[in-house]
PDB file of N, CA and C in Angstrom:
ATOM      1  N   MET A   1       0.893  -1.193  -0.122  1.00  0.00           N
ATOM      2  CA  MET A   1      -0.130   0.021   0.162  1.00  0.00           C
ATOM      3  C   MET A   1       0.989   1.295  -0.263  1.00  0.00           C
ATOM      4  N   ARG A   2       0.120   2.212  -0.416  1.00  0.00           N
ATOM      5  CA  ARG A   2       0.816   3.501  -0.527  1.00  0.00           C
ATOM      6  C   ARG A   2       0.937   4.451   0.766  1.00  0.00           C
ATOM      7  N   ALA A   3       2.287   4.772   1.088  1.00  0.00           N
ATOM      8  CA  ALA A   3       2.400   6.029   1.993  1.00  0.00           C
ATOM      9  C   ALA A   3       1.562   7.137   1.898  1.00  0.00           C
ATOM     10  N   LYS A   4       0.939   7.722   2.684  1.00  0.00           N
ATOM     11  CA  LYS A   4       0.354   8.940   2.722  1.00  0.00           C
ATOM     12  C   LYS A   4       0.576   9.942   3.823  1.00  0.00           C
ATOM     13  N   ASN A   5       0.437  11.163   3.412  1.00  0.00           N
ATOM     14  CA  ASN A   5      -0.016  12.025   4.839  1.00  0.00           C
ATOM     15  C   ASN A   5      -1.588  12.093   4.802  1.00  0.00           C
ATOM     16  N   TYR A   6      -2.067  12.018   5.939  1.00  0.00           N
ATOM     17  CA  TYR A   6      -3.329  11.979   6.367  1.00  0.00           C
ATOM     18  C   TYR A   6      -3.671  13.098   7.263  1.00  0.00           C
ATOM     19  N   LEU A   7      -4.641  13.469   6.861  1.00  0.00           N
ATOM     20  CA  LEU A   7      -5.316  14.977   7.644  1.00  0.00           C
ATOM     21  C   LEU A   7      -6.201  14.275   8.965  1.00  0.00           C
ATOM     22  N   GLY A   8      -6.044  14.120   9.920  1.00  0.00           N
ATOM     23  CA  GLY A   8      -6.931  13.288  10.938  1.00  0.00           C
ATOM     24  C   GLY A   8      -7.968  14.110  11.336  1.00  0.00           C
ATOM     25  N   SER A   9      -8.847  13.701  12.536  1.00  0.00           N
ATOM     26  CA  SER A   9      -9.812  14.354  12.637  1.00  0.00           C
ATOM     27  C   SER A   9      -9.905  15.638  13.154  1.00  0.00           C
ATOM     28  N   PHE A  10      -8.639  16.377  13.623  1.00  0.00           N
ATOM     29  CA  PHE A  10      -8.660  17.534  14.245  1.00  0.00           C
ATOM     30  C   PHE A  10      -7.833  18.423  13.205  1.00  0.00           C
ATOM     31  N   ARG A  11      -7.887  17.671  11.665  1.00  0.00           N
ATOM     32  CA  ARG A  11      -7.333  18.709  10.612  1.00  0.00           C
ATOM     33  C   ARG A  11      -5.658  18.894  10.913  1.00  0.00           C
ATOM     34  N   ARG A  12      -5.136  18.208  11.368  1.00  0.00           N
ATOM     35  CA  ARG A  12      -3.427  18.082  11.842  1.00  0.00           C
ATOM     36  C   ARG A  12      -3.172  16.812  11.047  1.00  0.00           C
ATOM     37  N   LYS A  13      -1.886  16.772  10.571  1.00  0.00           N
ATOM     38  CA  LYS A  13      -1.306  15.568  10.082  1.00  0.00           C
ATOM     39  C   LYS A  13      -1.410  14.616  10.973  1.00  0.00           C
ATOM     40  N   SER A  14      -1.775  13.109  10.301  1.00  0.00           N
ATOM     41  CA  SER A  14      -1.762  12.093  11.534  1.00  0.00           C
ATOM     42  C   SER A  14      -0.907  10.965  10.462  1.00  0.00           C
ATOM     43  N   ASN A  15      -0.438  10.023  11.204  1.00  0.00           N
ATOM     44  CA  ASN A  15       0.433   8.649  10.876  1.00  0.00           C
ATOM     45  C   ASN A  15      -0.374   7.601  10.939  1.00  0.00           C
ATOM     46  N   ASN A  16      -1.764   7.786  11.261  1.00  0.00           N
ATOM     47  CA  ASN A  16      -2.877   6.477  11.233  1.00  0.00           C
ATOM     48  C   ASN A  16      -3.176   5.683  10.012  1.00  0.00           C
ATOM     49  N   TYR A  17      -2.778   6.307   8.966  1.00  0.00           N
ATOM     50  CA  TYR A  17      -2.911   5.680   7.547  1.00  0.00           C
ATOM     51  C   TYR A  17      -1.794   4.639   7.603  1.00  0.00           C
ATOM     52  N   ASN A  18      -0.712   5.035   7.631  1.00  0.00           N
ATOM     53  CA  ASN A  18       0.702   4.389   7.718  1.00  0.00           C
ATOM     54  C   ASN A  18       0.460   3.057   8.837  1.00  0.00           C
ATOM     55  N   ILE A  19       0.088   3.466   9.896  1.00  0.00           N
ATOM     56  CA  ILE A  19       0.055   2.671  11.088  1.00  0.00           C
ATOM     57  C   ILE A  19      -0.758   1.298  10.649  1.00  0.00           C
ATOM     58  N   VAL A  20      -1.968   1.876  10.332  1.00  0.00           N
ATOM     59  CA  VAL A  20      -3.202   0.831   9.926  1.00  0.00           C
ATOM     60  C   VAL A  20      -2.661   0.254   8.835  1.00  0.00           C
ATOM     61  N   CYS A  21      -2.184   0.622   7.755  1.00  0.00           N
ATOM     62  CA  CYS A  21      -1.624  -0.061   6.511  1.00  0.00           C
ATOM     63  C   CYS A  21      -0.502  -1.466   7.225  1.00  0.00           C
ATOM     64  N   ARG A  22       0.489  -0.814   7.760  1.00  0.00           N
ATOM     65  CA  ARG A  22       1.730  -1.645   8.411  1.00  0.00           C
ATOM     66  C   ARG A  22       1.143  -2.971   8.925  1.00  0.00           C
ATOM     67  N   HIS A  23      -0.048  -2.668   9.907  1.00  0.00           N
ATOM     68  CA  HIS A  23      -0.804  -3.423  10.572  1.00  0.00           C
ATOM     69  C   HIS A  23      -1.278  -4.811   9.944  1.00  0.00           C
ATOM     70  N   LEU A  24      -2.188  -4.278   8.665  1.00  0.00           N
ATOM     71  CA  LEU A  24      -2.890  -5.084   8.206  1.00  0.00           C
ATOM     72  C   LEU A  24      -2.034  -5.661   7.144  1.00  0.00           C
ATOM     73  N   THR A  25      -0.736  -5.320   6.721  1.00  0.00           N
ATOM     74  CA  THR A  25      -0.137  -6.248   5.804  1.00  0.00           C
ATOM     75  C   THR A  25       0.940  -7.334   6.628  1.00  0.00           C
ATOM     76  N   LYS A  26       1.648  -6.602   7.837  1.00  0.00           N
ATOM     77  CA  LYS A  26       2.268  -7.464   8.593  1.00  0.00           C
ATOM     78  C   LYS A  26       1.472  -8.597   9.235  1.00  0.00           C
ATOM     79  N   HIS A  27      -0.029  -8.236   9.995  1.00  0.00           N
ATOM     80  CA  HIS A  27      -0.317  -9.317  10.901  1.00  0.00           C
ATOM     81  C   HIS A  27      -1.558  -9.923  10.303  1.00  0.00           C
ATOM     82  N   MET A  28      -2.382  -9.345   9.300  1.00  0.00           N
ATOM     83  CA  MET A  28      -3.526 -10.079   8.992  1.00  0.00           C
ATOM     84  C   MET A  28      -3.520 -10.332   7.317  1.00  0.00           C
ATOM     85  N   ASN A  29      -4.429 -11.041   6.844  1.00  0.00           N
ATOM     86  CA  ASN A  29      -4.701 -11.557   5.656  1.00  0.00           C
ATOM     87  C   ASN A  29      -6.090 -11.063   5.292  1.00  0.00           C
ATOM     88  N   ILE A  30      -6.266  -9.783   4.891  1.00  0.00           N
ATOM     89  CA  ILE A  30      -8.046  -9.665   4.721  1.00  0.00           C
ATOM     90  C   ILE A  30      -8.265  -9.774   3.200  1.00  0.00           C
ATOM     91  N   THR A  31      -7.584  -9.992   2.406  1.00  0.00           N
ATOM     92  CA  THR A  31      -7.513 -10.338   0.913  1.00  0.00           C
ATOM     93  C   THR A  31      -8.845 -11.289   0.951  1.00  0.00           C
ATOM     94  N   GLY A  32      -9.916 -10.620   0.128  1.00  0.00           N
ATOM     95  CA  GLY A  32     -11.297 -11.562  -0.355  1.00  0.00           C
ATOM     96  C   GLY A  32     -11.739 -11.861   0.980  1.00  0.00           C
ATOM     97  N   ARG A  33     -11.621 -11.364   1.867  1.00  0.00           N
ATOM     98  CA  ARG A  33     -12.332 -11.520   3.271  1.00  0.00           C
ATOM     99  C   ARG A  33     -13.460 -10.520   3.423  1.00  0.00           C
ATOM    100  N   HIS A  34     -14.493 -10.550   4.414  1.00  0.00           N
ATOM    101  CA  HIS A  34     -15.649 -10.026   4.885  1.00  0.00           C
ATOM    102  C   HIS A  34     -15.308  -9.368   6.240  1.00  0.00           C
ATOM    103  N   VAL A  35     -14.907  -8.315   6.583  1.00  0.00           N
ATOM    104  CA  VAL A  35     -14.351  -7.331   7.610  1.00  0.00           C
ATOM    105  C   VAL A  35     -15.249  -6.543   8.194  1.00  0.00           C
ATOM    106  N   LEU A  36     -15.425  -6.800   9.469  1.00  0.00           N
ATOM    107  CA  LEU A  36     -16.454  -5.672  10.441  1.00  0.00           C
ATOM    108  C   LEU A  36     -15.828  -4.907  10.533  1.00  0.00           C
ATOM    109  N   VAL A  37     -16.201  -3.410  10.488  1.00  0.00           N
ATOM    110  CA  VAL A  37     -15.304  -2.149  11.097  1.00  0.00           C
ATOM    111  C   VAL A  37     -16.285  -1.613  12.075  1.00  0.00           C
ATOM    112  N   VAL A  38     -15.824  -1.535  13.197  1.00  0.00           N
ATOM    113  CA  VAL A  38     -16.524  -1.314  14.549  1.00  0.00           C
ATOM    114  C   VAL A  38     -16.586   0.473  14.536  1.00  0.00           C
ATOM    115  N   GLY A  39     -17.119   1.376  14.636  1.00  0.00           N
ATOM    116  CA  GLY A  39     -17.279   2.717  14.914  1.00  0.00           C
ATOM    117  C   GLY A  39     -16.328   3.462  13.847  1.00  0.00           C
ATOM    118  N   SER A  40     -17.043   3.793  12.747  1.00  0.00           N
ATOM    119  CA  SER A  40     -16.306   4.460  11.678  1.00  0.00           C
ATOM    120  C   SER A  40     -17.561   5.351  10.732  1.00  0.00           C
ATOM    121  N   GLN A  41     -17.486   6.490  11.487  1.00  0.00           N
ATOM    122  CA  GLN A  41     -18.561   7.588  10.776  1.00  0.00           C
ATOM    123  C   GLN A  41     -17.918   8.087   9.840  1.00  0.00           C
ATOM    124  N   THR A  42     -16.911   8.087   9.444  1.00  0.00           N
ATOM    125  CA  THR A  42     -16.273   8.571   8.030  1.00  0.00           C
ATOM    126  C   THR A  42     -15.397   7.327   7.567  1.00  0.00           C
ATOM    127  N   PRO A  43     -15.389   7.060   6.394  1.00  0.00           N
ATOM    128  CA  PRO A  43     -14.823   5.801   5.915  1.00  0.00           C
ATOM    129  C   PRO A  43     -13.156   5.784   5.709  1.00  0.00           C
ATOM    130  N   TRP A  44     -12.626   6.340   6.190  1.00  0.00           N
ATOM    131  CA  TRP A  44     -11.205   6.273   5.867  1.00  0.00           C
ATOM    132  C   TRP A  44     -10.630   4.764   6.389  1.00  0.00           C
ATOM    133  N   LEU A  45     -11.342   4.389   7.346  1.00  0.00           N
ATOM    134  CA  LEU A  45     -10.804   2.642   7.564  1.00  0.00           C
ATOM    135  C   LEU A  45     -11.207   2.078   6.735  1.00  0.00           C
ATOM    136  N   GLU A  46     -12.304   1.925   6.096  1.00  0.00           N
ATOM    137  CA  GLU A  46     -13.009   1.184   5.058  1.00  0.00           C
ATOM    138  C   GLU A  46     -12.352   1.326   3.743  1.00  0.00           C
ATOM    139  N   ALA A  47     -11.712   2.726   3.620  1.00  0.00           N
ATOM    140  CA  ALA A  47     -11.052   2.847   2.145  1.00  0.00           C
ATOM    141  C   ALA A  47     -10.053   2.076   2.263  1.00  0.00           C
ATOM    142  N   ILE A  48      -9.150   2.192   3.471  1.00  0.00           N
ATOM    143  CA  ILE A  48      -7.789   1.593   3.525  1.00  0.00           C
ATOM    144  C   ILE A  48      -7.800   0.065   3.329  1.00  0.00           C
ATOM    145  N   ILE A  49      -8.867  -0.200   4.024  1.00  0.00           N
ATOM    146  CA  ILE A  49      -9.280  -2.006   4.199  1.00  0.00           C
ATOM    147  C   ILE A  49      -9.409  -2.467   2.777  1.00  0.00           C
ATOM    148  N   LEU A  50     -10.331  -1.761   1.812  1.00  0.00           N
ATOM    149  CA  LEU A  50     -10.833  -2.257   0.715  1.00  0.00           C
ATOM    150  C   LEU A  50      -9.348  -2.011  -0.717  1.00  0.00           C
ATOM    151  N   GLU A  51      -8.448  -1.336  -0.091  1.00  0.00           N
ATOM    152  CA  GLU A  51      -7.366  -1.029  -1.036  1.00  0.00           C
ATOM    153  C   GLU A  51      -6.484  -2.219  -0.507  1.00  0.00           C
ATOM    154  N   ALA A  52      -6.766  -2.850   0.759  1.00  0.00           N
ATOM    155  CA  ALA A  52      -5.868  -3.928   1.210  1.00  0.00           C
ATOM    156  C   ALA A  52      -6.319  -5.200   0.229  1.00  0.00           C
ATOM    157  N   GLY A  53      -7.672  -5.198  -0.246  1.00  0.00           N
ATOM    158  CA  GLY A  53      -8.168  -6.296  -0.703  1.00  0.00           C
ATOM    159  C   GLY A  53      -9.292  -6.958  -0.257  1.00  0.00           C
ATOM    160  N   ALA A  54     -10.022  -6.421   0.663  1.00  0.00           N
ATOM    161  CA  ALA A  54     -11.159  -6.866   1.472  1.00  0.00           C
ATOM    162  C   ALA A  54     -12.290  -6.949   0.584  1.00  0.00           C
ATOM    163  N   ALA A  55     -13.051  -8.176   0.517  1.00  0.00           N
ATOM    164  CA  ALA A  55     -13.960  -8.348  -0.454  1.00  0.00           C
ATOM    165  C   ALA A  55     -15.366  -7.728  -0.365  1.00  0.00           C
ATOM    166  N   LYS A  56     -15.416  -7.456   0.995  1.00  0.00           N
ATOM    167  CA  LYS A  56     -16.932  -7.208   1.549  1.00  0.00           C
ATOM    168  C   LYS A  56     -16.544  -6.153   2.985  1.00  0.00           C
ATOM    169  N   ILE A  57     -17.301  -5.140   3.467  1.00  0.00           N
ATOM    170  CA  ILE A  57     -16.848  -4.534   4.628  1.00  0.00           C
ATOM    171  C   ILE A  57     -18.435  -4.193   4.928  1.00  0.00           C
ATOM    172  N   THR A  58     -18.630  -4.622   6.236  1.00  0.00           N
ATOM    173  CA  THR A  58     -20.040  -4.236   7.143  1.00  0.00           C
ATOM    174  C   THR A  58     -19.463  -3.216   8.077  1.00  0.00           C
ATOM    175  N   THR A  59     -19.870  -2.075   8.153  1.00  0.00           N
ATOM    176  CA  THR A  59     -19.632  -1.060   9.257  1.00  0.00           C
ATOM    177  C   THR A  59     -20.749  -0.935  10.373  1.00  0.00           C
ATOM    178  N   LEU A  60     -20.319  -1.063  11.739  1.00  0.00           N
ATOM    179  CA  LEU A  60     -21.300  -1.066  12.514  1.00  0.00           C
ATOM    180  C   LEU A  60     -20.846  -0.012  13.386  1.00  0.00           C
ATOM    181  N   ASP A  61     -21.902   0.752  13.740  1.00  0.00           N
ATOM    182  CA  ASP A  61     -21.664   2.166  13.959  1.00  0.00           C
ATOM    183  C   ASP A  61     -23.332   2.537  14.904  1.00  0.00           C
ATOM    184  N   TYR A  62     -23.355   3.076  16.064  1.00  0.00           N
ATOM    185  CA  TYR A  62     -24.180   3.543  16.642  1.00  0.00           C
ATOM    186  C   TYR A  62     -25.013   4.636  15.591  1.00  0.00           C
ATOM    187  N   ALA A  63     -24.364   5.522  15.070  1.00  0.00           N
ATOM    188  CA  ALA A  63     -25.188   6.324  13.972  1.00  0.00           C
ATOM    189  C   ALA A  63     -25.874   5.695  12.672  1.00  0.00           C
ATOM    190  N   GLN A  64     -26.642   5.760  12.196  1.00  0.00           N
ATOM    191  CA  GLN A  64     -27.080   5.299  10.811  1.00  0.00           C
ATOM    192  C   GLN A  64     -26.479   5.701   9.899  1.00  0.00           C
ATOM    193  N   ILE A  65     -25.644   5.040   8.971  1.00  0.00           N
ATOM    194  CA  ILE A  65     -24.672   5.634   8.107  1.00  0.00           C
ATOM    195  C   ILE A  65     -25.099   4.765   6.855  1.00  0.00           C
ATOM    196  N   LYS A  66     -25.322   5.757   5.846  1.00  0.00           N
ATOM    197  CA  LYS A  66     -25.734   5.391   4.275  1.00  0.00           C
ATOM    198  C   LYS A  66     -24.329   5.312   3.829  1.00  0.00           C
ATOM    199  N   SER A  67     -24.031   3.954   2.895  1.00  0.00           N
ATOM    200  CA  SER A  67     -23.364   3.905   2.052  1.00  0.00           C
ATOM    201  C   SER A  67     -23.812   3.520   0.876  1.00  0.00           C
ATOM    202  N   GLU A  68     -23.260   4.231  -0.384  1.00  0.00           N
ATOM    203  CA  GLU A  68     -23.445   3.537  -1.534  1.00  0.00           C
ATOM    204  C   GLU A  68     -22.743   2.935  -2.455  1.00  0.00           C
ATOM    205  N   HIS A  69     -21.385   2.872  -1.653  1.00  0.00           N
ATOM    206  CA  HIS A  69     -20.194   1.705  -2.357  1.00  0.00           C
ATOM    207  C   HIS A  69     -20.614  -0.018  -2.002  1.00  0.00           C
ATOM    208  N   PRO A  70     -20.778  -0.281  -3.444  1.00  0.00           N
ATOM    209  CA  PRO A  70     -21.003  -1.890  -3.831  1.00  0.00           C
ATOM    210  C   PRO A  70     -20.273  -2.768  -2.605  1.00  0.00           C
ATOM    211  N   GLN A  71     -19.298  -2.588  -2.299  1.00  0.00           N
ATOM    212  CA  GLN A  71     -18.811  -3.462  -1.270  1.00  0.00           C
ATOM    213  C   GLN A  71     -18.991  -3.349   0.165  1.00  0.00           C
ATOM    214  N   ILE A  72     -19.626  -2.039   0.499  1.00  0.00           N
ATOM    215  CA  ILE A  72     -19.944  -1.469   2.034  1.00  0.00           C
ATOM    216  C   ILE A  72     -21.387  -1.506   2.262  1.00  0.00           C
ATOM    217  N   ASP A  73     -21.445  -2.433   3.553  1.00  0.00           N
ATOM    218  CA  ASP A  73     -22.935  -2.396   4.135  1.00  0.00           C
ATOM    219  C   ASP A  73     -22.720  -1.841   5.586  1.00  0.00           C
ATOM    220  N   THR A  74     -23.917  -1.011   6.088  1.00  0.00           N
ATOM    221  CA  THR A  74     -23.666  -0.425   7.286  1.00  0.00           C
ATOM    222  C   THR A  74     -25.109  -1.112   8.200  1.00  0.00           C
ATOM    223  N   ILE A  75     -24.473  -1.164   9.386  1.00  0.00           N
ATOM    224  CA  ILE A  75     -25.548  -1.878  10.190  1.00  0.00           C
ATOM    225  C   ILE A  75     -25.067  -0.834  11.842  1.00  0.00           C
ATOM    226  N   THR A  76     -26.478  -0.733  12.253  1.00  0.00           N
ATOM    227  CA  THR A  76     -26.466  -0.523  13.756  1.00  0.00           C
ATOM    228  C   THR A  76     -26.522  -1.692  15.068  1.00  0.00           C
ATOM    229  N   PRO A  77     -25.645  -1.324  15.873  1.00  0.00           N
ATOM    230  CA  PRO A  77     -26.214  -2.211  17.308  1.00  0.00           C
ATOM    231  C   PRO A  77     -27.630  -3.170  17.547  1.00  0.00           C
ATOM    232  N   LEU A  78     -28.364  -1.977  17.397  1.00  0.00           N
ATOM    233  CA  LEU A  78     -29.849  -2.332  17.603  1.00  0.00           C
ATOM    234  C   LEU A  78     -30.419  -3.288  16.439  1.00  0.00           C
ATOM    235  N   GLN A  79     -29.929  -3.100  15.088  1.00  0.00           N
ATOM    236  CA  GLN A  79     -30.435  -3.732  14.012  1.00  0.00           C
ATOM    237  C   GLN A  79     -29.539  -5.376  14.113  1.00  0.00           C
ATOM    238  N   ILE A  80     -28.288  -5.396  14.689  1.00  0.00           N
ATOM    239  CA  ILE A  80     -27.624  -6.462  14.799  1.00  0.00           C
ATOM    240  C   ILE A  80     -28.500  -7.405  16.333  1.00  0.00           C
ATOM    241  N   ARG A  81     -28.575  -6.657  17.128  1.00  0.00           N
ATOM    242  CA  ARG A  81     -29.307  -7.220  18.184  1.00  0.00           C
ATOM    243  C   ARG A  81     -30.755  -7.867  17.883  1.00  0.00           C
ATOM    244  N   LYS A  82     -31.753  -6.908  17.228  1.00  0.00           N
ATOM    245  CA  LYS A  82     -32.713  -7.293  16.546  1.00  0.00           C
ATOM    246  C   LYS A  82     -32.727  -8.821  15.683  1.00  0.00           C
ATOM    247  N   GLY A  83     -31.843  -8.542  14.844  1.00  0.00           N
ATOM    248  CA  GLY A  83     -31.577  -9.821  13.746  1.00  0.00           C
ATOM    249  C   GLY A  83     -31.266 -10.997  14.775  1.00  0.00           C
ATOM    250  N   TYR A  84     -30.452 -10.683  15.406  1.00  0.00           N
ATOM    251  CA  TYR A  84     -30.032 -12.131  16.238  1.00  0.00           C
ATOM    252  C   TYR A  84     -31.051 -12.666  17.031  1.00  0.00           C
ATOM    253  N   LEU A  85     -31.809 -11.984  17.862  1.00  0.00           N
ATOM    254  CA  LEU A  85     -32.622 -12.348  18.626  1.00  0.00           C
ATOM    255  C   LEU A  85     -34.178 -13.007  18.017  1.00  0.00           C
ATOM    256  N   ASP A  86     -34.214 -12.360  16.753  1.00  0.00           N
ATOM    257  CA  ASP A  86     -35.435 -12.940  15.526  1.00  0.00           C
ATOM    258  C   ASP A  86     -34.785 -13.928  15.005  1.00  0.00           C
ATOM    259  N   GLY A  87     -33.377 -14.087  14.714  1.00  0.00           N
ATOM    260  CA  GLY A  87     -33.025 -15.369  13.916  1.00  0.00           C
ATOM    261  C   GLY A  87     -32.991 -15.015  12.505  1.00  0.00           C
ATOM    262  N   THR A  88     -32.833 -13.990  11.880  1.00  0.00           N
ATOM    263  CA  THR A  88     -32.798 -13.198  10.858  1.00  0.00           C
ATOM    264  C   THR A  88     -31.204 -12.566  10.178  1.00  0.00           C
ATOM    265  N   PHE A  89     -30.250 -12.214  11.634  1.00  0.00           N
ATOM    266  CA  PHE A  89     -29.215 -12.219  11.240  1.00  0.00           C
ATOM    267  C   PHE A  89     -28.029 -13.120  10.868  1.00  0.00           C
ATOM    268  N   LYS A  90     -27.657 -13.323   9.835  1.00  0.00           N
ATOM    269  CA  LYS A  90     -26.727 -14.416   9.190  1.00  0.00           C
ATOM    270  C   LYS A  90     -25.249 -13.888   8.980  1.00  0.00           C
ATOM    271  N   GLU A  91     -25.205 -13.105   9.060  1.00  0.00           N
ATOM    272  CA  GLU A  91     -23.948 -12.247   8.729  1.00  0.00           C
ATOM    273  C   GLU A  91     -22.719 -13.232   9.491  1.00  0.00           C
ATOM    274  N   ALA A  92     -21.595 -13.645   8.549  1.00  0.00           N
ATOM    275  CA  ALA A  92     -20.414 -14.149   9.253  1.00  0.00           C
ATOM    276  C   ALA A  92     -19.465 -13.249   8.988  1.00  0.00           C
ATOM    277  N   PHE A  93     -18.486 -13.101   9.674  1.00  0.00           N
ATOM    278  CA  PHE A  93     -17.193 -11.954   9.617  1.00  0.00           C
ATOM    279  C   PHE A  93     -15.969 -12.818   9.623  1.00  0.00           C
ATOM    280  N   ASP A  94     -15.371 -12.670   8.729  1.00  0.00           N
ATOM    281  CA  ASP A  94     -13.891 -13.411   8.874  1.00  0.00           C
ATOM    282  C   ASP A  94     -12.854 -12.622   9.749  1.00  0.00           C
ATOM    283  N   THR A  95     -12.750 -11.272  10.035  1.00  0.00           N
ATOM    284  CA  THR A  95     -12.081 -10.583  10.746  1.00  0.00           C
ATOM    285  C   THR A  95     -13.220  -9.221  11.403  1.00  0.00           C
ATOM    286  N   MET A  96     -12.310  -8.527  12.374  1.00  0.00           N
ATOM    287  CA  MET A  96     -12.881  -7.624  12.765  1.00  0.00           C
ATOM    288  C   MET A  96     -11.639  -6.043  12.878  1.00  0.00           C
ATOM    289  N   VAL A  97     -12.017  -5.217  12.366  1.00  0.00           N
ATOM    290  CA  VAL A  97     -10.970  -3.748  12.340  1.00  0.00           C
ATOM    291  C   VAL A  97     -11.638  -2.901  13.199  1.00  0.00           C
ATOM    292  N   SER A  98     -10.779  -2.245  14.151  1.00  0.00           N
ATOM    293  CA  SER A  98     -11.607  -1.074  14.615  1.00  0.00           C
ATOM    294  C   SER A  98     -10.260   0.002  15.094  1.00  0.00           C
ATOM    295  N   PHE A  99     -10.573   1.011  14.901  1.00  0.00           N
ATOM    296  CA  PHE A  99      -9.586   2.156  15.504  1.00  0.00           C
ATOM    297  C   PHE A  99     -10.205   3.254  16.387  1.00  0.00           C
ATOM    298  N   SER A 100      -9.034   3.264  17.545  1.00  0.00           N
ATOM    299  CA  SER A 100     -10.273   4.063  18.518  1.00  0.00           C
ATOM    300  C   SER A 100     -11.698   4.255  18.696  1.00  0.00           C
ATOM    301  N   SER A 101     -11.984   3.291  18.783  1.00  0.00           N
ATOM    302  CA  SER A 101     -13.838   3.255  19.035  1.00  0.00           C
ATOM    303  C   SER A 101     -13.993   2.251  20.376  1.00  0.00           C
ATOM    304  N   LEU A 102     -13.706   1.493  20.435  1.00  0.00           N
ATOM    305  CA  LEU A 102     -14.181   0.463  21.511  1.00  0.00           C
ATOM    306  C   LEU A 102     -14.489   1.103  22.669  1.00  0.00           C
ATOM    307  N   GLU A 103     -12.890   1.727  23.075  1.00  0.00           N
ATOM    308  CA  GLU A 103     -12.895   2.222  24.445  1.00  0.00           C
ATOM    309  C   GLU A 103     -13.706   3.227  24.708  1.00  0.00           C
ATOM    310  N   HIS A 104     -14.677   4.150  23.614  1.00  0.00           N
ATOM    311  CA  HIS A 104     -15.542   4.884  23.825  1.00  0.00           C
ATOM    312  C   HIS A 104     -17.246   4.516  23.982  1.00  0.00           C
ATOM    313  N   SER A 105     -16.830   3.035  23.981  1.00  0.00           N
ATOM    314  CA  SER A 105     -18.503   2.430  23.599  1.00  0.00           C
ATOM    315  C   SER A 105     -19.208   2.445  25.116  1.00  0.00           C
ATOM    316  N   GLY A 106     -18.404   2.113  26.226  1.00  0.00           N
ATOM    317  CA  GLY A 106     -18.756   2.083  27.377  1.00  0.00           C
ATOM    318  C   GLY A 106     -19.417   0.549  27.588  1.00  0.00           C
ATOM    319  N   LEU A 107     -19.912   0.523  28.825  1.00  0.00           N
ATOM    320  CA  LEU A 107     -20.868  -1.122  29.060  1.00  0.00           C
ATOM    321  C   LEU A 107     -22.060  -0.394  29.224  1.00  0.00           C
ATOM    322  N   GLY A 108     -23.075  -1.392  28.319  1.00  0.00           N
ATOM    323  CA  GLY A 108     -24.880  -1.069  28.340  1.00  0.00           C
ATOM    324  C   GLY A 108     -25.246  -0.017  27.947  1.00  0.00           C
ATOM    325  N   ARG A 109     -24.395   0.523  26.954  1.00  0.00           N
ATOM    326  CA  ARG A 109     -24.759   1.662  26.279  1.00  0.00           C
ATOM    327  C   ARG A 109     -25.906   0.917  25.147  1.00  0.00           C
TER     328      ARG A 109
END
């Protein structure tokens, strides 16, 4: 993957792009896989994962997100919970990726 200077959430230079790319290529093989992304309101992580070769991405976020990309689906925790309980949620994920999201969710949200 190509190195970039990425402007992060606070409009300052961020090395997150390079960190994520290095981790994906060194520790994970996501080529052709279905990846669950947890907590990504802006699709910077999804873009990196698609560039790394993922076949499909499902983004899980508290906010309702609309994606028009054919390889990206979105879902909320409420939708997963309801689907699991009524037996309609049948998705299987090969791996999960998150960047600075899980620690903000808290317990029992």
